Amino acid sequence: MSESRGAIRFDPLFTTADIGLGQDASVEHVVKAFLNVGEALASRWIEMPRGILLLQSVPDEPASGAIYLYDRDRHIFYFVSFLNGQDDRLTVSEFDQLVAEYDLVSLAANPHLLLPCLGKMGQA
């Protein structure tokens, strides 16, 4: 791969049910509950009809972000990691660069495309 951080991976974290939410919870409520789990804020939020990309950061620490993707159809949160480079100390500008470089908006628009990227989905 020619991407700056090597291969990308989407590790399933948990479902909305795992954090006590029903499938009918609003998007805002789902994201707020997710951010509360990590005691964080959304430095970036890109919402598509089928998925949401988030840069979750620690308040007042600009280089503390990590990228998450929420599959709205399957109600699953994924941690986005990279083979080469930090994936949990991102700044907003690094997030913007990685979103463009890895075409993450397309994956947020079509989370079903993640299945070939996962590998270990059944072991989550």
PDB file of N, CA and C in Angstrom:
ATOM      1  N   MET A   1       0.834  -1.193   0.000  1.00  0.00           N
ATOM      2  CA  MET A   1       0.000   0.000   0.000  1.00  0.00           C
ATOM      3  C   MET A   1       0.875   1.251   0.000  1.00  0.00           C
ATOM      4  N   SER A   2       0.374   2.279  -0.614  1.00  0.00           N
ATOM      5  CA  SER A   2       1.140   3.513  -0.671  1.00  0.00           C
ATOM      6  C   SER A   2       0.657   4.545   0.346  1.00  0.00           C
ATOM      7  N   GLU A   3      -0.354   4.222   1.136  1.00  0.00           N
ATOM      8  CA  GLU A   3      -0.857   5.166   2.125  1.00  0.00           C
ATOM      9  C   GLU A   3       0.208   5.446   3.186  1.00  0.00           C
ATOM     10  N   SER A   4       0.200   6.651   3.714  1.00  0.00           N
ATOM     11  CA  SER A   4       1.244   7.108   4.629  1.00  0.00           C
ATOM     12  C   SER A   4       1.343   6.294   5.917  1.00  0.00           C
ATOM     13  N   ARG A   5       0.269   5.706   6.349  1.00  0.00           N
ATOM     14  CA  ARG A   5       0.294   4.935   7.604  1.00  0.00           C
ATOM     15  C   ARG A   5       0.092   3.446   7.382  1.00  0.00           C
ATOM     16  N   GLY A   6       0.263   3.007   6.165  1.00  0.00           N
ATOM     17  CA  GLY A   6       0.148   1.591   5.862  1.00  0.00           C
ATOM     18  C   GLY A   6      -1.284   1.113   5.844  1.00  0.00           C
ATOM     19  N   ALA A   7      -1.434  -0.177   6.015  1.00  0.00           N
ATOM     20  CA  ALA A   7      -2.758  -0.806   5.953  1.00  0.00           C
ATOM     21  C   ALA A   7      -3.671  -0.258   7.045  1.00  0.00           C
ATOM     22  N   ILE A   8      -4.934  -0.158   6.697  1.00  0.00           N
ATOM     23  CA  ILE A   8      -5.943   0.309   7.645  1.00  0.00           C
ATOM     24  C   ILE A   8      -6.736  -0.892   8.146  1.00  0.00           C
ATOM     25  N   ARG A   9      -7.207  -0.769   9.355  1.00  0.00           N
ATOM     26  CA  ARG A   9      -7.960  -1.865   9.969  1.00  0.00           C
ATOM     27  C   ARG A   9      -9.134  -1.273  10.747  1.00  0.00           C
ATOM     28  N   PHE A  10     -10.235  -1.992  10.773  1.00  0.00           N
ATOM     29  CA  PHE A  10     -11.435  -1.588  11.501  1.00  0.00           C
ATOM     30  C   PHE A  10     -11.742  -2.663  12.531  1.00  0.00           C
ATOM     31  N   ASP A  11     -11.466  -2.357  13.777  1.00  0.00           N
ATOM     32  CA  ASP A  11     -11.671  -3.314  14.853  1.00  0.00           C
ATOM     33  C   ASP A  11     -13.012  -3.055  15.532  1.00  0.00           C
ATOM     34  N   PRO A  12     -13.941  -4.029  15.492  1.00  0.00           N
ATOM     35  CA  PRO A  12     -15.222  -3.831  16.165  1.00  0.00           C
ATOM     36  C   PRO A  12     -15.016  -3.673  17.670  1.00  0.00           C
ATOM     37  N   LEU A  13     -15.638  -2.649  18.228  1.00  0.00           N
ATOM     38  CA  LEU A  13     -15.530  -2.400  19.667  1.00  0.00           C
ATOM     39  C   LEU A  13     -16.738  -2.932  20.420  1.00  0.00           C
ATOM     40  N   PHE A  14     -17.894  -2.393  20.099  1.00  0.00           N
ATOM     41  CA  PHE A  14     -19.123  -2.794  20.764  1.00  0.00           C
ATOM     42  C   PHE A  14     -20.312  -2.285  19.976  1.00  0.00           C
ATOM     43  N   THR A  15     -21.476  -2.788  20.341  1.00  0.00           N
ATOM     44  CA  THR A  15     -22.719  -2.363  19.713  1.00  0.00           C
ATOM     45  C   THR A  15     -23.410  -1.337  20.612  1.00  0.00           C
ATOM     46  N   THR A  16     -24.453  -0.734  20.083  1.00  0.00           N
ATOM     47  CA  THR A  16     -25.226   0.196  20.906  1.00  0.00           C
ATOM     48  C   THR A  16     -25.886  -0.546  22.069  1.00  0.00           C
ATOM     49  N   ALA A  17     -26.277  -1.792  21.858  1.00  0.00           N
ATOM     50  CA  ALA A  17     -26.871  -2.586  22.952  1.00  0.00           C
ATOM     51  C   ALA A  17     -25.863  -2.788  24.082  1.00  0.00           C
ATOM     52  N   ASP A  18     -24.583  -2.936  23.705  1.00  0.00           N
ATOM     53  CA  ASP A  18     -23.537  -3.123  24.720  1.00  0.00           C
ATOM     54  C   ASP A  18     -23.409  -1.921  25.653  1.00  0.00           C
ATOM     55  N   ILE A  19     -23.774  -0.742  25.161  1.00  0.00           N
ATOM     56  CA  ILE A  19     -23.696   0.458  26.010  1.00  0.00           C
ATOM     57  C   ILE A  19     -25.080   0.895  26.494  1.00  0.00           C
ATOM     58  N   GLY A  20     -26.032  -0.049  26.423  1.00  0.00           N
ATOM     59  CA  GLY A  20     -27.345   0.173  27.011  1.00  0.00           C
ATOM     60  C   GLY A  20     -28.331   0.954  26.167  1.00  0.00           C
ATOM     61  N   LEU A  21     -28.128   0.994  24.859  1.00  0.00           N
ATOM     62  CA  LEU A  21     -29.037   1.742  23.993  1.00  0.00           C
ATOM     63  C   LEU A  21     -29.846   0.802  23.116  1.00  0.00           C
ATOM     64  N   GLY A  22     -31.085   1.189  22.867  1.00  0.00           N
ATOM     65  CA  GLY A  22     -31.932   0.430  21.950  1.00  0.00           C
ATOM     66  C   GLY A  22     -31.639   0.812  20.514  1.00  0.00           C
ATOM     67  N   GLN A  23     -32.092  -0.020  19.595  1.00  0.00           N
ATOM     68  CA  GLN A  23     -31.851   0.246  18.178  1.00  0.00           C
ATOM     69  C   GLN A  23     -32.600   1.470  17.673  1.00  0.00           C
ATOM     70  N   ASP A  24     -33.564   1.947  18.433  1.00  0.00           N
ATOM     71  CA  ASP A  24     -34.326   3.119  18.020  1.00  0.00           C
ATOM     72  C   ASP A  24     -33.749   4.429  18.574  1.00  0.00           C
ATOM     73  N   ALA A  25     -32.617   4.371  19.251  1.00  0.00           N
ATOM     74  CA  ALA A  25     -31.993   5.584  19.813  1.00  0.00           C
ATOM     75  C   ALA A  25     -31.584   6.527  18.683  1.00  0.00           C
ATOM     76  N   SER A  26     -31.735   7.806  18.917  1.00  0.00           N
ATOM     77  CA  SER A  26     -31.357   8.794  17.906  1.00  0.00           C
ATOM     78  C   SER A  26     -29.838   8.806  17.723  1.00  0.00           C
ATOM     79  N   VAL A  27     -29.410   9.264  16.572  1.00  0.00           N
ATOM     80  CA  VAL A  27     -27.978   9.349  16.272  1.00  0.00           C
ATOM     81  C   VAL A  27     -27.266  10.204  17.306  1.00  0.00           C
ATOM     82  N   GLU A  28     -27.862  11.321  17.664  1.00  0.00           N
ATOM     83  CA  GLU A  28     -27.247  12.211  18.645  1.00  0.00           C
ATOM     84  C   GLU A  28     -27.074  11.508  19.988  1.00  0.00           C
ATOM     85  N   HIS A  29     -28.072  10.744  20.383  1.00  0.00           N
ATOM     86  CA  HIS A  29     -28.000  10.025  21.655  1.00  0.00           C
ATOM     87  C   HIS A  29     -26.931   8.931  21.605  1.00  0.00           C
ATOM     88  N   VAL A  30     -26.850   8.232  20.481  1.00  0.00           N
ATOM     89  CA  VAL A  30     -25.849   7.173  20.318  1.00  0.00           C
ATOM     90  C   VAL A  30     -24.448   7.761  20.414  1.00  0.00           C
ATOM     91  N   VAL A  31     -24.202   8.841  19.696  1.00  0.00           N
ATOM     92  CA  VAL A  31     -22.862   9.450  19.708  1.00  0.00           C
ATOM     93  C   VAL A  31     -22.542   9.999  21.087  1.00  0.00           C
ATOM     94  N   LYS A  32     -23.512  10.636  21.725  1.00  0.00           N
ATOM     95  CA  LYS A  32     -23.280  11.173  23.071  1.00  0.00           C
ATOM     96  C   LYS A  32     -22.933  10.055  24.055  1.00  0.00           C
ATOM     97  N   ALA A  33     -23.652   8.937  23.986  1.00  0.00           N
ATOM     98  CA  ALA A  33     -23.362   7.805  24.874  1.00  0.00           C
ATOM     99  C   ALA A  33     -21.969   7.247  24.588  1.00  0.00           C
ATOM    100  N   PHE A  34     -21.605   7.145  23.316  1.00  0.00           N
ATOM    101  CA  PHE A  34     -20.274   6.666  22.949  1.00  0.00           C
ATOM    102  C   PHE A  34     -19.190   7.587  23.510  1.00  0.00           C
ATOM    103  N   LEU A  35     -19.375   8.880  23.361  1.00  0.00           N
ATOM    104  CA  LEU A  35     -18.393   9.831  23.870  1.00  0.00           C
ATOM    105  C   LEU A  35     -18.309   9.786  25.387  1.00  0.00           C
ATOM    106  N   ASN A  36     -19.432   9.560  26.051  1.00  0.00           N
ATOM    107  CA  ASN A  36     -19.428   9.449  27.516  1.00  0.00           C
ATOM    108  C   ASN A  36     -18.629   8.241  27.979  1.00  0.00           C
ATOM    109  N   VAL A  37     -18.673   7.145  27.228  1.00  0.00           N
ATOM    110  CA  VAL A  37     -17.895   5.954  27.589  1.00  0.00           C
ATOM    111  C   VAL A  37     -16.415   6.307  27.656  1.00  0.00           C
ATOM    112  N   GLY A  38     -15.955   7.090  26.677  1.00  0.00           N
ATOM    113  CA  GLY A  38     -14.542   7.471  26.633  1.00  0.00           C
ATOM    114  C   GLY A  38     -14.221   8.768  27.332  1.00  0.00           C
ATOM    115  N   GLU A  39     -15.215   9.376  27.991  1.00  0.00           N
ATOM    116  CA  GLU A  39     -15.038  10.680  28.642  1.00  0.00           C
ATOM    117  C   GLU A  39     -14.342  11.648  27.702  1.00  0.00           C
ATOM    118  N   ALA A  40     -14.885  11.739  26.475  1.00  0.00           N
ATOM    119  CA  ALA A  40     -14.237  12.507  25.417  1.00  0.00           C
ATOM    120  C   ALA A  40     -15.247  13.411  24.712  1.00  0.00           C
ATOM    121  N   LEU A  41     -14.754  14.101  23.703  1.00  0.00           N
ATOM    122  CA  LEU A  41     -15.590  14.942  22.864  1.00  0.00           C
ATOM    123  C   LEU A  41     -15.318  14.604  21.412  1.00  0.00           C
ATOM    124  N   ALA A  42     -16.236  14.998  20.560  1.00  0.00           N
ATOM    125  CA  ALA A  42     -16.072  14.773  19.128  1.00  0.00           C
ATOM    126  C   ALA A  42     -15.437  16.016  18.523  1.00  0.00           C
ATOM    127  N   SER A  43     -14.154  15.917  18.201  1.00  0.00           N
ATOM    128  CA  SER A  43     -13.461  17.033  17.560  1.00  0.00           C
ATOM    129  C   SER A  43     -13.874  17.164  16.102  1.00  0.00           C
ATOM    130  N   ARG A  44     -14.252  16.057  15.506  1.00  0.00           N
ATOM    131  CA  ARG A  44     -14.813  16.019  14.147  1.00  0.00           C
ATOM    132  C   ARG A  44     -15.936  14.994  14.144  1.00  0.00           C
ATOM    133  N   TRP A  45     -16.964  15.290  13.339  1.00  0.00           N
ATOM    134  CA  TRP A  45     -18.130  14.426  13.229  1.00  0.00           C
ATOM    135  C   TRP A  45     -18.591  14.516  11.789  1.00  0.00           C
ATOM    136  N   ILE A  46     -18.450  13.430  11.041  1.00  0.00           N
ATOM    137  CA  ILE A  46     -18.900  13.379   9.652  1.00  0.00           C
ATOM    138  C   ILE A  46     -20.020  12.360   9.591  1.00  0.00           C
ATOM    139  N   GLU A  47     -21.225  12.859   9.338  1.00  0.00           N
ATOM    140  CA  GLU A  47     -22.408  12.003   9.372  1.00  0.00           C
ATOM    141  C   GLU A  47     -22.903  11.710   7.965  1.00  0.00           C
ATOM    142  N   MET A  48     -23.070  10.432   7.688  1.00  0.00           N
ATOM    143  CA  MET A  48     -23.617   9.951   6.429  1.00  0.00           C
ATOM    144  C   MET A  48     -24.872   9.142   6.766  1.00  0.00           C
ATOM    145  N   PRO A  49     -25.715   8.874   5.771  1.00  0.00           N
ATOM    146  CA  PRO A  49     -26.938   8.120   6.061  1.00  0.00           C
ATOM    147  C   PRO A  49     -26.709   6.743   6.694  1.00  0.00           C
ATOM    148  N   ARG A  50     -25.591   6.083   6.364  1.00  0.00           N
ATOM    149  CA  ARG A  50     -25.361   4.741   6.893  1.00  0.00           C
ATOM    150  C   ARG A  50     -24.211   4.649   7.887  1.00  0.00           C
ATOM    151  N   GLY A  51     -23.451   5.699   8.048  1.00  0.00           N
ATOM    152  CA  GLY A  51     -22.320   5.645   8.960  1.00  0.00           C
ATOM    153  C   GLY A  51     -21.886   7.010   9.436  1.00  0.00           C
ATOM    154  N   ILE A  52     -21.122   7.003  10.514  1.00  0.00           N
ATOM    155  CA  ILE A  52     -20.602   8.245  11.091  1.00  0.00           C
ATOM    156  C   ILE A  52     -19.124   8.051  11.386  1.00  0.00           C
ATOM    157  N   LEU A  53     -18.315   9.013  10.966  1.00  0.00           N
ATOM    158  CA  LEU A  53     -16.895   9.048  11.317  1.00  0.00           C
ATOM    159  C   LEU A  53     -16.731  10.039  12.445  1.00  0.00           C
ATOM    160  N   LEU A  54     -16.007   9.656  13.459  1.00  0.00           N
ATOM    161  CA  LEU A  54     -15.760  10.535  14.599  1.00  0.00           C
ATOM    162  C   LEU A  54     -14.271  10.614  14.885  1.00  0.00           C
ATOM    163  N   LEU A  55     -13.824  11.802  15.219  1.00  0.00           N
ATOM    164  CA  LEU A  55     -12.515  11.965  15.839  1.00  0.00           C
ATOM    165  C   LEU A  55     -12.812  12.230  17.306  1.00  0.00           C
ATOM    166  N   GLN A  56     -12.565  11.235  18.135  1.00  0.00           N
ATOM    167  CA  GLN A  56     -12.815  11.344  19.568  1.00  0.00           C
ATOM    168  C   GLN A  56     -11.530  11.813  20.232  1.00  0.00           C
ATOM    169  N   SER A  57     -11.627  12.902  20.993  1.00  0.00           N
ATOM    170  CA  SER A  57     -10.448  13.485  21.635  1.00  0.00           C
ATOM    171  C   SER A  57     -10.709  13.769  23.102  1.00  0.00           C
ATOM    172  N   VAL A  58      -9.623  13.832  23.850  1.00  0.00           N
ATOM    173  CA  VAL A  58      -9.683  14.234  25.253  1.00  0.00           C
ATOM    174  C   VAL A  58      -9.813  15.755  25.279  1.00  0.00           C
ATOM    175  N   PRO A  59     -10.719  16.285  26.083  1.00  0.00           N
ATOM    176  CA  PRO A  59     -10.856  17.746  26.152  1.00  0.00           C
ATOM    177  C   PRO A  59      -9.530  18.427  26.512  1.00  0.00           C
ATOM    178  N   ASP A  60      -9.243  19.522  25.838  1.00  0.00           N
ATOM    179  CA  ASP A  60      -8.051  20.350  26.063  1.00  0.00           C
ATOM    180  C   ASP A  60      -6.733  19.648  25.734  1.00  0.00           C
ATOM    181  N   GLU A  61      -6.785  18.548  24.992  1.00  0.00           N
ATOM    182  CA  GLU A  61      -5.574  17.868  24.532  1.00  0.00           C
ATOM    183  C   GLU A  61      -5.705  17.640  23.027  1.00  0.00           C
ATOM    184  N   PRO A  62      -5.259  18.599  22.215  1.00  0.00           N
ATOM    185  CA  PRO A  62      -5.491  18.531  20.770  1.00  0.00           C
ATOM    186  C   PRO A  62      -4.872  17.316  20.071  1.00  0.00           C
ATOM    187  N   ALA A  63      -3.787  16.770  20.576  1.00  0.00           N
ATOM    188  CA  ALA A  63      -3.144  15.610  19.947  1.00  0.00           C
ATOM    189  C   ALA A  63      -3.500  14.331  20.697  1.00  0.00           C
ATOM    190  N   SER A  64      -4.810  14.118  20.916  1.00  0.00           N
ATOM    191  CA  SER A  64      -5.254  12.941  21.674  1.00  0.00           C
ATOM    192  C   SER A  64      -6.353  12.178  20.938  1.00  0.00           C
ATOM    193  N   GLY A  65      -6.538  12.480  19.666  1.00  0.00           N
ATOM    194  CA  GLY A  65      -7.671  11.920  18.946  1.00  0.00           C
ATOM    195  C   GLY A  65      -7.471  10.524  18.410  1.00  0.00           C
ATOM    196  N   ALA A  66      -8.581   9.822  18.288  1.00  0.00           N
ATOM    197  CA  ALA A  66      -8.636   8.513  17.646  1.00  0.00           C
ATOM    198  C   ALA A  66      -9.876   8.512  16.751  1.00  0.00           C
ATOM    199  N   ILE A  67      -9.787   7.758  15.656  1.00  0.00           N
ATOM    200  CA  ILE A  67     -10.884   7.714  14.690  1.00  0.00           C
ATOM    201  C   ILE A  67     -11.762   6.499  14.968  1.00  0.00           C
ATOM    202  N   TYR A  68     -13.055   6.743  14.941  1.00  0.00           N
ATOM    203  CA  TYR A  68     -14.047   5.689  15.112  1.00  0.00           C
ATOM    204  C   TYR A  68     -15.068   5.795  13.993  1.00  0.00           C
ATOM    205  N   LEU A  69     -15.587   4.664  13.600  1.00  0.00           N
ATOM    206  CA  LEU A  69     -16.658   4.621  12.610  1.00  0.00           C
ATOM    207  C   LEU A  69     -17.845   3.906  13.235  1.00  0.00           C
ATOM    208  N   TYR A  70     -19.005   4.508  13.098  1.00  0.00           N
ATOM    209  CA  TYR A  70     -20.233   3.894  13.592  1.00  0.00           C
ATOM    210  C   TYR A  70     -21.066   3.447  12.406  1.00  0.00           C
ATOM    211  N   ASP A  71     -21.362   2.169  12.329  1.00  0.00           N
ATOM    212  CA  ASP A  71     -22.215   1.601  11.292  1.00  0.00           C
ATOM    213  C   ASP A  71     -23.653   1.709  11.789  1.00  0.00           C
ATOM    214  N   ARG A  72     -24.411   2.605  11.193  1.00  0.00           N
ATOM    215  CA  ARG A  72     -25.766   2.885  11.650  1.00  0.00           C
ATOM    216  C   ARG A  72     -26.723   1.723  11.395  1.00  0.00           C
ATOM    217  N   ASP A  73     -26.464   0.917  10.373  1.00  0.00           N
ATOM    218  CA  ASP A  73     -27.344  -0.214  10.075  1.00  0.00           C
ATOM    219  C   ASP A  73     -27.115  -1.375  11.043  1.00  0.00           C
ATOM    220  N   ARG A  74     -25.868  -1.662  11.347  1.00  0.00           N
ATOM    221  CA  ARG A  74     -25.534  -2.791  12.233  1.00  0.00           C
ATOM    222  C   ARG A  74     -25.404  -2.367  13.699  1.00  0.00           C
ATOM    223  N   HIS A  75     -25.397  -1.040  13.940  1.00  0.00           N
ATOM    224  CA  HIS A  75     -25.299  -0.499  15.306  1.00  0.00           C
ATOM    225  C   HIS A  75     -23.992  -0.912  15.976  1.00  0.00           C
ATOM    226  N   ILE A  76     -22.896  -0.860  15.211  1.00  0.00           N
ATOM    227  CA  ILE A  76     -21.580  -1.262  15.706  1.00  0.00           C
ATOM    228  C   ILE A  76     -20.600  -0.096  15.599  1.00  0.00           C
ATOM    229  N   PHE A  77     -19.803   0.093  16.650  1.00  0.00           N
ATOM    230  CA  PHE A  77     -18.697   1.043  16.624  1.00  0.00           C
ATOM    231  C   PHE A  77     -17.407   0.295  16.306  1.00  0.00           C
ATOM    232  N   TYR A  78     -16.585   0.905  15.447  1.00  0.00           N
ATOM    233  CA  TYR A  78     -15.283   0.348  15.078  1.00  0.00           C
ATOM    234  C   TYR A  78     -14.189   1.349  15.423  1.00  0.00           C
ATOM    235  N   PHE A  79     -13.071   0.842  15.894  1.00  0.00           N
ATOM    236  CA  PHE A  79     -11.860   1.638  16.074  1.00  0.00           C
ATOM    237  C   PHE A  79     -11.063   1.529  14.781  1.00  0.00           C
ATOM    238  N   VAL A  80     -10.644   2.658  14.258  1.00  0.00           N
ATOM    239  CA  VAL A  80      -9.868   2.690  13.021  1.00  0.00           C
ATOM    240  C   VAL A  80      -8.391   2.759  13.395  1.00  0.00           C
ATOM    241  N   SER A  81      -7.643   1.745  12.973  1.00  0.00           N
ATOM    242  CA  SER A  81      -6.214   1.715  13.297  1.00  0.00           C
ATOM    243  C   SER A  81      -5.396   1.548  12.024  1.00  0.00           C
ATOM    244  N   PHE A  82      -4.125   1.879  12.149  1.00  0.00           N
ATOM    245  CA  PHE A  82      -3.208   1.855  11.011  1.00  0.00           C
ATOM    246  C   PHE A  82      -1.986   1.012  11.373  1.00  0.00           C
ATOM    247  N   LEU A  83      -1.493   0.259  10.405  1.00  0.00           N
ATOM    248  CA  LEU A  83      -0.344  -0.604  10.629  1.00  0.00           C
ATOM    249  C   LEU A  83       0.890   0.202  11.026  1.00  0.00           C
ATOM    250  N   ASN A  84       1.115   1.340  10.363  1.00  0.00           N
ATOM    251  CA  ASN A  84       2.289   2.182  10.624  1.00  0.00           C
ATOM    252  C   ASN A  84       1.850   3.529  11.173  1.00  0.00           C
ATOM    253  N   GLY A  85       2.291   3.866  12.330  1.00  0.00           N
ATOM    254  CA  GLY A  85       2.008   5.198  12.857  1.00  0.00           C
ATOM    255  C   GLY A  85       0.993   5.199  13.975  1.00  0.00           C
ATOM    256  N   GLN A  86       0.990   6.295  14.679  1.00  0.00           N
ATOM    257  CA  GLN A  86       0.066   6.485  15.794  1.00  0.00           C
ATOM    258  C   GLN A  86      -1.360   6.546  15.273  1.00  0.00           C
ATOM    259  N   ASP A  87      -2.273   5.937  15.990  1.00  0.00           N
ATOM    260  CA  ASP A  87      -3.677   6.037  15.623  1.00  0.00           C
ATOM    261  C   ASP A  87      -4.538   6.515  16.795  1.00  0.00           C
ATOM    262  N   ASP A  88      -3.887   6.873  17.914  1.00  0.00           N
ATOM    263  CA  ASP A  88      -4.649   7.344  19.069  1.00  0.00           C
ATOM    264  C   ASP A  88      -4.125   8.676  19.622  1.00  0.00           C
ATOM    265  N   ARG A  89      -3.322   9.354  18.838  1.00  0.00           N
ATOM    266  CA  ARG A  89      -2.814  10.674  19.246  1.00  0.00           C
ATOM    267  C   ARG A  89      -2.927  11.645  18.075  1.00  0.00           C
ATOM    268  N   LEU A  90      -4.058  11.584  17.402  1.00  0.00           N
ATOM    269  CA  LEU A  90      -4.258  12.378  16.194  1.00  0.00           C
ATOM    270  C   LEU A  90      -4.747  13.785  16.512  1.00  0.00           C
ATOM    271  N   THR A  91      -4.337  14.716  15.671  1.00  0.00           N
ATOM    272  CA  THR A  91      -4.861  16.076  15.717  1.00  0.00           C
ATOM    273  C   THR A  91      -5.994  16.179  14.695  1.00  0.00           C
ATOM    274  N   VAL A  92      -6.703  17.282  14.742  1.00  0.00           N
ATOM    275  CA  VAL A  92      -7.776  17.513  13.776  1.00  0.00           C
ATOM    276  C   VAL A  92      -7.218  17.541  12.352  1.00  0.00           C
ATOM    277  N   SER A  93      -6.083  18.186  12.146  1.00  0.00           N
ATOM    278  CA  SER A  93      -5.516  18.254  10.791  1.00  0.00           C
ATOM    279  C   SER A  93      -5.066  16.874  10.304  1.00  0.00           C
ATOM    280  N   GLU A  94      -4.534  16.033  11.200  1.00  0.00           N
ATOM    281  CA  GLU A  94      -4.176  14.669  10.810  1.00  0.00           C
ATOM    282  C   GLU A  94      -5.427  13.865  10.452  1.00  0.00           C
ATOM    283  N   PHE A  95      -6.487  14.047  11.218  1.00  0.00           N
ATOM    284  CA  PHE A  95      -7.751  13.391  10.906  1.00  0.00           C
ATOM    285  C   PHE A  95      -8.211  13.783   9.511  1.00  0.00           C
ATOM    286  N   ASP A  96      -8.225  15.063   9.228  1.00  0.00           N
ATOM    287  CA  ASP A  96      -8.661  15.543   7.918  1.00  0.00           C
ATOM    288  C   ASP A  96      -7.821  14.932   6.799  1.00  0.00           C
ATOM    289  N   GLN A  97      -6.511  14.860   7.009  1.00  0.00           N
ATOM    290  CA  GLN A  97      -5.605  14.292   6.014  1.00  0.00           C
ATOM    291  C   GLN A  97      -5.885  12.809   5.820  1.00  0.00           C
ATOM    292  N   LEU A  98      -6.069  12.060   6.908  1.00  0.00           N
ATOM    293  CA  LEU A  98      -6.322  10.625   6.820  1.00  0.00           C
ATOM    294  C   LEU A  98      -7.684  10.321   6.207  1.00  0.00           C
ATOM    295  N   VAL A  99      -8.671  11.135   6.501  1.00  0.00           N
ATOM    296  CA  VAL A  99     -10.000  10.959   5.899  1.00  0.00           C
ATOM    297  C   VAL A  99      -9.899  11.063   4.386  1.00  0.00           C
ATOM    298  N   ALA A 100      -9.149  12.054   3.901  1.00  0.00           N
ATOM    299  CA  ALA A 100      -8.986  12.215   2.457  1.00  0.00           C
ATOM    300  C   ALA A 100      -8.125  11.103   1.859  1.00  0.00           C
ATOM    301  N   GLU A 101      -6.997  10.827   2.487  1.00  0.00           N
ATOM    302  CA  GLU A 101      -6.044   9.849   1.955  1.00  0.00           C
ATOM    303  C   GLU A 101      -6.624   8.440   1.873  1.00  0.00           C
ATOM    304  N   TYR A 102      -7.361   8.029   2.891  1.00  0.00           N
ATOM    305  CA  TYR A 102      -7.913   6.680   2.940  1.00  0.00           C
ATOM    306  C   TYR A 102      -9.379   6.627   2.482  1.00  0.00           C
ATOM    307  N   ASP A 103      -9.901   7.729   2.004  1.00  0.00           N
ATOM    308  CA  ASP A 103     -11.283   7.817   1.520  1.00  0.00           C
ATOM    309  C   ASP A 103     -12.276   7.287   2.556  1.00  0.00           C
ATOM    310  N   LEU A 104     -12.113   7.749   3.783  1.00  0.00           N
ATOM    311  CA  LEU A 104     -12.947   7.267   4.883  1.00  0.00           C
ATOM    312  C   LEU A 104     -14.399   7.713   4.774  1.00  0.00           C
ATOM    313  N   VAL A 105     -14.653   8.802   4.057  1.00  0.00           N
ATOM    314  CA  VAL A 105     -16.038   9.237   3.871  1.00  0.00           C
ATOM    315  C   VAL A 105     -16.809   8.192   3.069  1.00  0.00           C
ATOM    316  N   SER A 106     -16.154   7.590   2.082  1.00  0.00           N
ATOM    317  CA  SER A 106     -16.812   6.526   1.309  1.00  0.00           C
ATOM    318  C   SER A 106     -17.153   5.334   2.186  1.00  0.00           C
ATOM    319  N   LEU A 107     -16.277   5.009   3.121  1.00  0.00           N
ATOM    320  CA  LEU A 107     -16.567   3.904   4.036  1.00  0.00           C
ATOM    321  C   LEU A 107     -17.675   4.264   5.019  1.00  0.00           C
ATOM    322  N   ALA A 108     -17.732   5.508   5.438  1.00  0.00           N
ATOM    323  CA  ALA A 108     -18.829   5.937   6.303  1.00  0.00           C
ATOM    324  C   ALA A 108     -20.149   5.916   5.530  1.00  0.00           C
ATOM    325  N   ALA A 109     -20.086   6.213   4.251  1.00  0.00           N
ATOM    326  CA  ALA A 109     -21.290   6.181   3.427  1.00  0.00           C
ATOM    327  C   ALA A 109     -21.732   4.752   3.131  1.00  0.00           C
ATOM    328  N   ASN A 110     -20.776   3.827   3.128  1.00  0.00           N
ATOM    329  CA  ASN A 110     -21.048   2.425   2.787  1.00  0.00           C
ATOM    330  C   ASN A 110     -20.333   1.481   3.750  1.00  0.00           C
ATOM    331  N   PRO A 111     -20.726   1.446   5.007  1.00  0.00           N
ATOM    332  CA  PRO A 111     -20.014   0.602   5.978  1.00  0.00           C
ATOM    333  C   PRO A 111     -20.019  -0.879   5.639  1.00  0.00           C
ATOM    334  N   HIS A 112     -20.943  -1.331   4.799  1.00  0.00           N
ATOM    335  CA  HIS A 112     -20.938  -2.746   4.409  1.00  0.00           C
ATOM    336  C   HIS A 112     -19.650  -3.106   3.674  1.00  0.00           C
ATOM    337  N   LEU A 113     -18.934  -2.105   3.146  1.00  0.00           N
ATOM    338  CA  LEU A 113     -17.656  -2.350   2.486  1.00  0.00           C
ATOM    339  C   LEU A 113     -16.567  -2.736   3.489  1.00  0.00           C
ATOM    340  N   LEU A 114     -16.809  -2.555   4.768  1.00  0.00           N
ATOM    341  CA  LEU A 114     -15.828  -2.898   5.796  1.00  0.00           C
ATOM    342  C   LEU A 114     -15.607  -4.392   5.917  1.00  0.00           C
ATOM    343  N   LEU A 115     -16.562  -5.194   5.596  1.00  0.00           N
ATOM    344  CA  LEU A 115     -16.448  -6.630   5.827  1.00  0.00           C
ATOM    345  C   LEU A 115     -15.148  -7.229   5.303  1.00  0.00           C
ATOM    346  N   PRO A 116     -14.682  -6.900   4.081  1.00  0.00           N
ATOM    347  CA  PRO A 116     -13.414  -7.460   3.644  1.00  0.00           C
ATOM    348  C   PRO A 116     -12.222  -6.935   4.452  1.00  0.00           C
ATOM    349  N   CYS A 117     -12.361  -5.781   5.093  1.00  0.00           N
ATOM    350  CA  CYS A 117     -11.259  -5.167   5.848  1.00  0.00           C
ATOM    351  C   CYS A 117     -11.128  -5.740   7.256  1.00  0.00           C
ATOM    352  N   LEU A 118     -12.142  -6.419   7.738  1.00  0.00           N
ATOM    353  CA  LEU A 118     -12.170  -6.784   9.153  1.00  0.00           C
ATOM    354  C   LEU A 118     -11.355  -8.019   9.491  1.00  0.00           C
ATOM    355  N   GLY A 119     -11.613  -9.070   8.843  1.00  0.00           N
ATOM    356  CA  GLY A 119     -10.874 -10.290   9.124  1.00  0.00           C
ATOM    357  C   GLY A 119     -11.343 -11.016  10.371  1.00  0.00           C
ATOM    358  N   LYS A 120     -11.466 -10.344  11.503  1.00  0.00           N
ATOM    359  CA  LYS A 120     -11.772 -11.000  12.785  1.00  0.00           C
ATOM    360  C   LYS A 120     -13.148 -10.602  13.308  1.00  0.00           C
ATOM    361  N   MET A 121     -14.066 -10.261  12.443  1.00  0.00           N
ATOM    362  CA  MET A 121     -15.388  -9.790  12.890  1.00  0.00           C
ATOM    363  C   MET A 121     -16.055 -10.805  13.805  1.00  0.00           C
ATOM    364  N   GLY A 122     -15.959 -12.068  13.517  1.00  0.00           N
ATOM    365  CA  GLY A 122     -16.625 -13.066  14.347  1.00  0.00           C
ATOM    366  C   GLY A 122     -16.006 -13.227  15.723  1.00  0.00           C
ATOM    367  N   GLN A 123     -14.809 -12.661  15.932  1.00  0.00           N
ATOM    368  CA  GLN A 123     -14.128 -12.793  17.221  1.00  0.00           C
ATOM    369  C   GLN A 123     -14.275 -11.557  18.083  1.00  0.00           C
ATOM    370  N   ALA A 124     -15.075 -10.605  17.661  1.00  0.00           N
ATOM    371  CA  ALA A 124     -15.207  -9.337  18.387  1.00  0.00           C
ATOM    372  C   ALA A 124     -15.873  -9.535  19.722  1.00  0.00           C
TER     373      ALA A 124
END
